[in-house]
Amino acid sequence: MNQRDPYFDNLKFMLIVLVVVGHMIEPLIYIPAFKSIYAFIYSFHMPLFVFISGYFAKNIDDPKYEIKIISKLVIPYVIFEMIYSVFDFWIFHKESLHFTFFTPYWIMWFLFSMIIWKVALPYVVRIRYALPVTFLFGLIAGYTGELGYYASLSRIVVFFPFFLAGFYFEKKHLEKLLTKNWRFAAGGVMLLAFLAFCYFGQNYTVTWFYGSASYQALGATEWFAGLYRGGIYLLAVVLGLSLLLLVPGRKVPLVSALGRNTMYTYLLHGLIVKALVAYGFYQVLQTGPQRALVIILGAALAIILALNGIRTLFKWMVEPKVSFLFKENSK
């Protein structure tokens, strides 16, 4: 059994905290300060999460590769897509219940996209210059209105380059940069970027970071609108690399252990966020300090949902045992 690398567990924990905090403050982004923080988080956290997911997708030669996609992604996706649809119907008192398996519900786009990326990966890596080609397709995708939320098509195309980059990535590529000087520079880059977002972020259309809309829908009708996404790609790479350099490589008490359960946090936290919205939690927050506590609450929620106790309770949903579905001689 391969020994876990605490570096990646630490990284995954840091990213899942950003994911939860981002979703927790989303109902408050009408406030300039929260919109700036939200824009900063969204400028790099999902591209980096996709990148790390690609890094752990190197087992394309595994005889059970397809079976693992079905058992670890397809079935959990179906389960949670149904759960979120029913939950949304219940707490928001919808007139009718719809299961939208081909239009992923909110955060479920990531699992749906992961399925497509993993299925496509063994074929795409056969293409010469696959990485620049996928980045080019990501730029071109914004010029068409045909791609959108249906089947998460736009996000699949826009974020796939990061998944592929993660597949090609080897940690040894980073190790030469894991020095005090480079870490210091990375910290400076992150700080400057955060300050820049604090100053300019409230005027930015954060939808650009979602990768789900065409350039025209985003108000960019210029022929060179693809350059804007190119800038977003570049920003995600710079900030993502900076965070990679800042992650501790040693085992960190609690953090490293929690980084093993990030899928539980991801799939479960949305239920709590939606419940808080439905039951008027954000309307109660009237002062700056009260609203600021949402950030702390988001971090705490990310920690709680990554505890081993939560994993024990919900393993049957997140990691269902479905070996009985496959024949013994299946690949």
Protein backbone atom coordinates (compact mmCIF):
# COMPACT_ATOMS: atom_id res chain seq x y z
CA MET A 1 0.00 0.00 0.00
CA ASN A 2 1.39 3.39 -0.99
CA GLN A 3 2.08 5.68 1.94
CA ARG A 4 0.06 8.88 1.88
CA ASP A 5 1.91 12.10 1.18
CA PRO A 6 0.94 14.62 3.89
CA TYR A 7 1.72 17.45 1.47
CA PHE A 8 -1.34 16.65 -0.64
CA ASP A 9 -3.54 16.01 2.40
CA ASN A 10 -2.56 19.43 3.73
CA LEU A 11 -3.27 21.00 0.35
CA LYS A 12 -6.66 19.35 0.00
CA PHE A 13 -7.66 20.52 3.48
CA MET A 14 -6.67 24.12 2.68
CA LEU A 15 -8.65 23.99 -0.55
CA ILE A 16 -11.78 22.48 0.96
CA VAL A 17 -11.77 25.21 3.62
CA LEU A 18 -11.69 27.78 0.81
CA VAL A 19 -14.53 25.97 -0.98
CA VAL A 20 -16.77 25.98 2.10
CA VAL A 21 -15.91 29.54 3.10
CA GLY A 22 -16.59 30.67 -0.47
CA HIS A 23 -20.04 29.07 -0.46
CA MET A 24 -20.79 30.37 3.02
CA ILE A 25 -20.10 33.98 2.10
CA GLU A 26 -21.76 33.79 -1.33
CA PRO A 27 -25.13 35.12 -0.01
CA LEU A 28 -23.21 38.17 1.31
CA ILE A 29 -21.36 39.20 -1.85
CA TYR A 30 -23.69 42.15 -2.30
CA ILE A 31 -21.41 43.65 0.38
CA PRO A 32 -18.19 44.96 -1.28
CA ALA A 33 -15.79 43.45 1.29
CA PHE A 34 -17.29 39.99 0.95
CA LYS A 35 -17.41 40.23 -2.82
CA SER A 36 -13.68 41.00 -2.84
CA ILE A 37 -12.87 38.00 -0.64
CA TYR A 38 -15.17 35.81 -2.70
CA ALA A 39 -13.55 36.91 -5.98
CA PHE A 40 -10.08 36.25 -4.56
CA ILE A 41 -11.02 32.71 -3.51
CA TYR A 42 -12.72 31.92 -6.82
CA SER A 43 -9.80 33.20 -8.86
CA PHE A 44 -7.79 30.07 -8.09
CA HIS A 45 -9.38 27.58 -5.70
CA MET A 46 -11.44 25.51 -8.16
CA PRO A 47 -8.76 25.39 -10.87
CA LEU A 48 -6.33 24.14 -8.22
CA PHE A 49 -8.82 21.58 -6.88
CA VAL A 50 -9.33 20.33 -10.45
CA PHE A 51 -5.55 20.23 -10.90
CA ILE A 52 -5.09 18.06 -7.80
CA SER A 53 -7.91 15.79 -8.94
CA GLY A 54 -6.03 15.29 -12.20
CA TYR A 55 -2.86 14.50 -10.28
CA PHE A 56 -4.63 11.60 -8.57
CA ALA A 57 -6.05 10.31 -11.88
CA LYS A 58 -2.81 8.74 -13.10
CA ASN A 59 -4.14 5.18 -12.84
CA ILE A 60 -5.57 5.10 -16.36
CA ASP A 61 -3.86 1.75 -16.97
CA ASP A 62 -5.57 0.14 -13.98
CA PRO A 63 -7.64 -2.85 -15.19
CA LYS A 64 -10.47 -1.63 -12.95
CA TYR A 65 -10.25 2.00 -14.07
CA GLU A 66 -13.79 2.10 -15.48
CA ILE A 67 -15.24 0.25 -12.49
CA LYS A 68 -13.68 2.79 -10.12
CA ILE A 69 -15.22 5.65 -12.09
CA ILE A 70 -18.65 4.07 -11.69
CA SER A 71 -18.29 3.11 -8.03
CA LYS A 72 -16.45 6.22 -6.77
CA LEU A 73 -18.02 8.90 -8.96
CA VAL A 74 -21.09 7.88 -10.96
CA ILE A 75 -23.02 6.21 -8.13
CA PRO A 76 -22.21 8.90 -5.50
CA TYR A 77 -23.17 11.51 -8.10
CA VAL A 78 -26.57 9.90 -8.68
CA ILE A 79 -27.14 9.53 -4.93
CA PHE A 80 -26.29 13.13 -4.07
CA GLU A 81 -27.96 14.62 -7.14
CA MET A 82 -31.17 13.01 -5.89
CA ILE A 83 -30.54 14.10 -2.30
CA TYR A 84 -29.94 17.73 -3.30
CA SER A 85 -32.99 17.76 -5.58
CA VAL A 86 -35.25 16.42 -2.83
CA PHE A 87 -33.67 18.72 -0.23
CA ASP A 88 -34.13 21.75 -2.49
CA PHE A 89 -37.75 20.78 -3.14
CA TRP A 90 -38.37 20.40 0.60
CA ILE A 91 -36.69 23.45 2.13
CA PHE A 92 -37.63 25.91 -0.62
CA HIS A 93 -41.19 24.57 -0.94
CA LYS A 94 -40.97 24.03 -4.68
CA GLU A 95 -44.18 23.21 -6.55
CA SER A 96 -42.74 20.08 -8.12
CA LEU A 97 -39.79 17.76 -7.72
CA HIS A 98 -37.33 17.40 -10.58
CA PHE A 99 -34.23 15.22 -10.82
CA THR A 100 -31.82 17.01 -13.10
CA PHE A 101 -29.13 14.40 -13.67
CA PHE A 102 -27.89 16.08 -16.83
CA THR A 103 -27.96 19.59 -15.41
CA PRO A 104 -25.99 19.10 -12.19
CA TYR A 105 -27.43 20.78 -9.14
CA TRP A 106 -25.13 23.58 -7.92
CA ILE A 107 -21.96 21.99 -6.46
CA MET A 108 -22.67 18.67 -8.15
CA TRP A 109 -21.14 20.02 -11.37
CA PHE A 110 -17.73 19.04 -10.03
CA LEU A 111 -18.57 15.35 -9.66
CA PHE A 112 -20.31 15.27 -13.01
CA SER A 113 -17.32 16.94 -14.66
CA MET A 114 -14.93 14.54 -12.93
CA ILE A 115 -16.78 11.63 -14.51
CA ILE A 116 -16.42 13.13 -17.99
CA TRP A 117 -12.78 14.12 -17.45
CA LYS A 118 -11.82 10.66 -16.25
CA VAL A 119 -13.64 8.95 -19.09
CA ALA A 120 -12.01 11.24 -21.65
CA LEU A 121 -8.52 11.21 -20.12
CA PRO A 122 -7.15 7.95 -21.62
CA TYR A 123 -8.08 9.21 -25.09
CA VAL A 124 -7.01 12.84 -24.72
CA VAL A 125 -3.49 11.96 -23.53
CA ARG A 126 -2.92 10.28 -26.89
CA ILE A 127 -3.24 13.64 -28.63
CA ARG A 128 0.00 15.41 -29.44
CA TYR A 129 0.31 18.70 -27.54
CA ALA A 130 -2.85 17.80 -25.65
CA LEU A 131 -2.36 20.39 -22.90
CA PRO A 132 -2.09 23.51 -25.10
CA VAL A 133 -4.90 22.13 -27.27
CA THR A 134 -7.25 21.87 -24.28
CA PHE A 135 -6.35 25.39 -23.16
CA LEU A 136 -7.14 26.61 -26.67
CA PHE A 137 -10.51 24.85 -26.58
CA GLY A 138 -11.16 26.48 -23.20
CA LEU A 139 -10.62 29.89 -24.78
CA ILE A 140 -12.73 29.11 -27.84
CA ALA A 141 -15.59 27.71 -25.73
CA GLY A 142 -16.51 31.19 -24.54
CA TYR A 143 -17.38 32.33 -28.05
CA THR A 144 -20.34 29.98 -28.33
CA GLY A 145 -23.61 30.15 -26.48
CA GLU A 146 -24.23 26.46 -27.14
CA LEU A 147 -22.25 25.46 -24.06
CA GLY A 148 -23.71 26.30 -20.68
CA TYR A 149 -25.11 24.70 -17.55
CA TYR A 150 -26.62 21.73 -19.40
CA ALA A 151 -24.39 18.70 -18.71
CA SER A 152 -21.94 21.19 -17.23
CA LEU A 153 -20.53 21.41 -20.76
CA SER A 154 -18.91 24.83 -20.44
CA ARG A 155 -17.16 24.04 -17.17
CA ILE A 156 -16.05 20.65 -18.46
CA VAL A 157 -14.25 22.33 -21.35
CA VAL A 158 -13.00 25.39 -19.44
CA PHE A 159 -11.52 23.53 -16.46
CA PHE A 160 -10.30 20.39 -18.24
CA PRO A 161 -6.85 21.92 -18.98
CA PHE A 162 -6.19 22.07 -15.22
CA PHE A 163 -7.23 18.43 -14.82
CA LEU A 164 -4.90 17.42 -17.63
CA ALA A 165 -2.08 19.55 -16.21
CA GLY A 166 -2.51 17.76 -12.90
CA PHE A 167 -2.27 14.41 -14.67
CA TYR A 168 1.07 15.40 -16.21
CA PHE A 169 2.36 16.97 -13.00
CA GLU A 170 5.01 15.27 -10.88
CA LYS A 171 5.86 16.55 -7.43
CA LYS A 172 9.55 16.57 -8.35
CA HIS A 173 8.71 19.45 -10.69
CA LEU A 174 7.86 21.52 -7.63
CA GLU A 175 10.50 20.36 -5.14
CA LYS A 176 13.26 22.63 -6.48
CA LEU A 177 11.04 25.61 -5.71
CA LEU A 178 10.22 24.57 -2.15
CA THR A 179 12.82 26.89 -0.63
CA LYS A 180 12.48 29.74 1.83
CA ASN A 181 13.04 32.36 -0.87
CA TRP A 182 10.43 30.94 -3.22
CA ARG A 183 7.96 30.45 -0.37
CA PHE A 184 8.51 34.04 0.72
CA ALA A 185 7.90 35.22 -2.86
CA ALA A 186 4.77 33.06 -3.07
CA GLY A 187 3.44 34.58 0.15
CA GLY A 188 4.07 38.03 -1.28
CA VAL A 189 2.20 37.19 -4.48
CA MET A 190 -0.80 35.89 -2.54
CA LEU A 191 -0.84 38.95 -0.30
CA LEU A 192 -0.59 41.38 -3.22
CA ALA A 193 -3.34 39.53 -5.06
CA PHE A 194 -5.57 39.62 -1.99
CA LEU A 195 -4.97 43.36 -1.55
CA ALA A 196 -5.66 43.94 -5.24
CA PHE A 197 -8.96 42.08 -4.97
CA CYS A 198 -9.82 44.06 -1.84
CA TYR A 199 -9.31 47.25 -3.83
CA PHE A 200 -10.75 46.26 -7.22
CA GLY A 201 -12.72 43.09 -6.52
CA GLN A 202 -16.05 44.73 -5.72
CA ASN A 203 -16.24 45.99 -9.31
CA TYR A 204 -15.44 42.64 -10.88
CA THR A 205 -17.97 40.27 -12.45
CA VAL A 206 -17.20 37.12 -10.48
CA THR A 207 -19.18 35.01 -12.95
CA TRP A 208 -16.04 35.04 -15.09
CA PHE A 209 -14.46 32.62 -12.63
CA TYR A 210 -17.31 30.10 -12.88
CA GLY A 211 -16.43 29.05 -16.42
CA SER A 212 -20.12 28.46 -17.11
CA ALA A 213 -21.11 31.37 -19.36
CA SER A 214 -20.25 32.61 -22.83
CA TYR A 215 -18.33 35.83 -23.32
CA GLN A 216 -21.43 37.49 -24.74
CA ALA A 217 -23.44 36.53 -21.65
CA LEU A 218 -20.68 38.07 -19.56
CA GLY A 219 -20.94 41.32 -21.48
CA ALA A 220 -17.76 40.87 -23.51
CA THR A 221 -18.72 41.10 -27.19
CA GLU A 222 -15.24 42.00 -28.47
CA TRP A 223 -13.57 39.60 -30.91
CA PHE A 224 -10.62 39.39 -28.50
CA ALA A 225 -12.78 38.43 -25.49
CA GLY A 226 -10.85 35.15 -25.28
CA LEU A 227 -7.89 37.16 -23.98
CA TYR A 228 -9.91 37.89 -20.84
CA ARG A 229 -10.24 34.18 -20.13
CA GLY A 230 -6.57 33.81 -20.99
CA GLY A 231 -5.84 36.34 -18.24
CA ILE A 232 -8.04 34.38 -15.84
CA TYR A 233 -6.16 31.20 -16.74
CA LEU A 234 -2.84 32.95 -16.09
CA LEU A 235 -4.04 34.35 -12.76
CA ALA A 236 -5.24 30.89 -11.67
CA VAL A 237 -1.87 29.39 -12.57
CA VAL A 238 0.14 32.06 -10.72
CA LEU A 239 -1.99 32.00 -7.56
CA GLY A 240 -2.36 28.22 -7.68
CA LEU A 241 1.42 27.77 -7.93
CA SER A 242 1.88 30.25 -5.10
CA LEU A 243 -0.40 28.23 -2.84
CA LEU A 244 1.40 25.02 -3.82
CA LEU A 245 4.62 26.59 -2.60
CA LEU A 246 3.07 27.63 0.70
CA VAL A 247 1.67 24.23 1.67
CA PRO A 248 3.70 22.50 4.42
CA GLY A 249 5.19 19.21 3.32
CA ARG A 250 5.32 17.63 6.76
CA LYS A 251 2.51 15.98 8.63
CA VAL A 252 0.47 18.64 10.42
CA PRO A 253 -1.60 17.51 13.42
CA LEU A 254 -5.33 17.38 12.59
CA VAL A 255 -4.89 19.13 9.22
CA SER A 256 -3.27 16.19 7.45
CA ALA A 257 -5.85 13.77 8.83
CA LEU A 258 -8.77 15.99 7.81
CA GLY A 259 -7.35 16.32 4.31
CA ARG A 260 -8.18 12.67 3.72
CA ASN A 261 -11.93 13.27 3.96
CA THR A 262 -12.43 16.28 1.71
CA MET A 263 -15.03 14.53 -0.47
CA TYR A 264 -17.30 14.23 2.57
CA THR A 265 -16.96 17.92 3.29
CA TYR A 266 -17.63 18.82 -0.32
CA LEU A 267 -20.74 16.72 -0.76
CA LEU A 268 -22.31 17.44 2.64
CA HIS A 269 -21.60 21.12 3.25
CA GLY A 270 -23.97 22.28 0.52
CA LEU A 271 -26.94 20.89 2.43
CA ILE A 272 -26.07 23.06 5.42
CA VAL A 273 -25.43 26.17 3.32
CA LYS A 274 -28.77 25.78 1.53
CA ALA A 275 -30.56 25.22 4.84
CA LEU A 276 -29.03 28.41 6.28
CA VAL A 277 -30.26 30.36 3.25
CA ALA A 278 -33.74 28.82 3.35
CA TYR A 279 -34.29 29.47 7.04
CA GLY A 280 -33.18 33.11 7.01
CA PHE A 281 -29.81 32.83 8.73
CA TYR A 282 -28.28 35.59 6.63
CA GLN A 283 -31.15 37.97 7.32
CA VAL A 284 -30.30 37.82 11.02
CA LEU A 285 -26.76 39.10 10.40
CA GLN A 286 -27.02 42.87 10.65
CA THR A 287 -23.55 44.04 11.71
CA GLY A 288 -20.07 43.74 10.25
CA PRO A 289 -18.71 41.54 13.07
CA GLN A 290 -21.72 39.22 12.82
CA ARG A 291 -21.18 38.78 9.10
CA ALA A 292 -17.44 38.30 9.56
CA LEU A 293 -18.21 35.33 11.80
CA VAL A 294 -19.56 33.57 8.70
CA ILE A 295 -15.96 33.07 7.56
CA ILE A 296 -15.05 31.43 10.87
CA LEU A 297 -18.24 29.38 10.74
CA GLY A 298 -17.34 28.22 7.23
CA ALA A 299 -13.87 27.08 8.34
CA ALA A 300 -15.38 25.30 11.35
CA LEU A 301 -17.93 23.57 9.14
CA ALA A 302 -15.16 22.36 6.82
CA ILE A 303 -13.34 20.87 9.83
CA ILE A 304 -16.39 19.21 11.35
CA LEU A 305 -17.50 17.56 8.12
CA ALA A 306 -14.00 16.15 7.57
CA LEU A 307 -13.90 14.38 10.93
CA ASN A 308 -13.65 10.60 10.90
CA GLY A 309 -16.94 10.38 12.79
CA ILE A 310 -18.73 12.04 9.88
CA ARG A 311 -17.02 9.66 7.51
CA THR A 312 -18.28 6.71 9.53
CA LEU A 313 -21.84 8.03 9.52
CA PHE A 314 -22.04 8.83 5.81
CA LYS A 315 -19.66 6.36 4.21
CA TRP A 316 -22.59 4.37 2.83
CA MET A 317 -23.57 7.45 0.81
CA VAL A 318 -20.20 8.89 -0.21
CA GLU A 319 -18.32 5.60 -0.65
CA PRO A 320 -21.04 3.01 -1.18
CA LYS A 321 -20.01 -0.63 -1.48
CA VAL A 322 -21.21 -1.61 -4.92
CA SER A 323 -18.86 -4.47 -5.81
CA PHE A 324 -21.92 -6.71 -6.14
CA LEU A 325 -22.84 -4.81 -9.33
CA PHE A 326 -19.82 -6.10 -11.22
CA LYS A 327 -18.92 -9.51 -12.47
CA GLU A 328 -15.93 -11.27 -10.96
CA ASN A 329 -14.09 -11.26 -14.26
CA SER A 330 -14.75 -7.59 -14.93
CA LYS A 331 -11.68 -5.58 -15.80
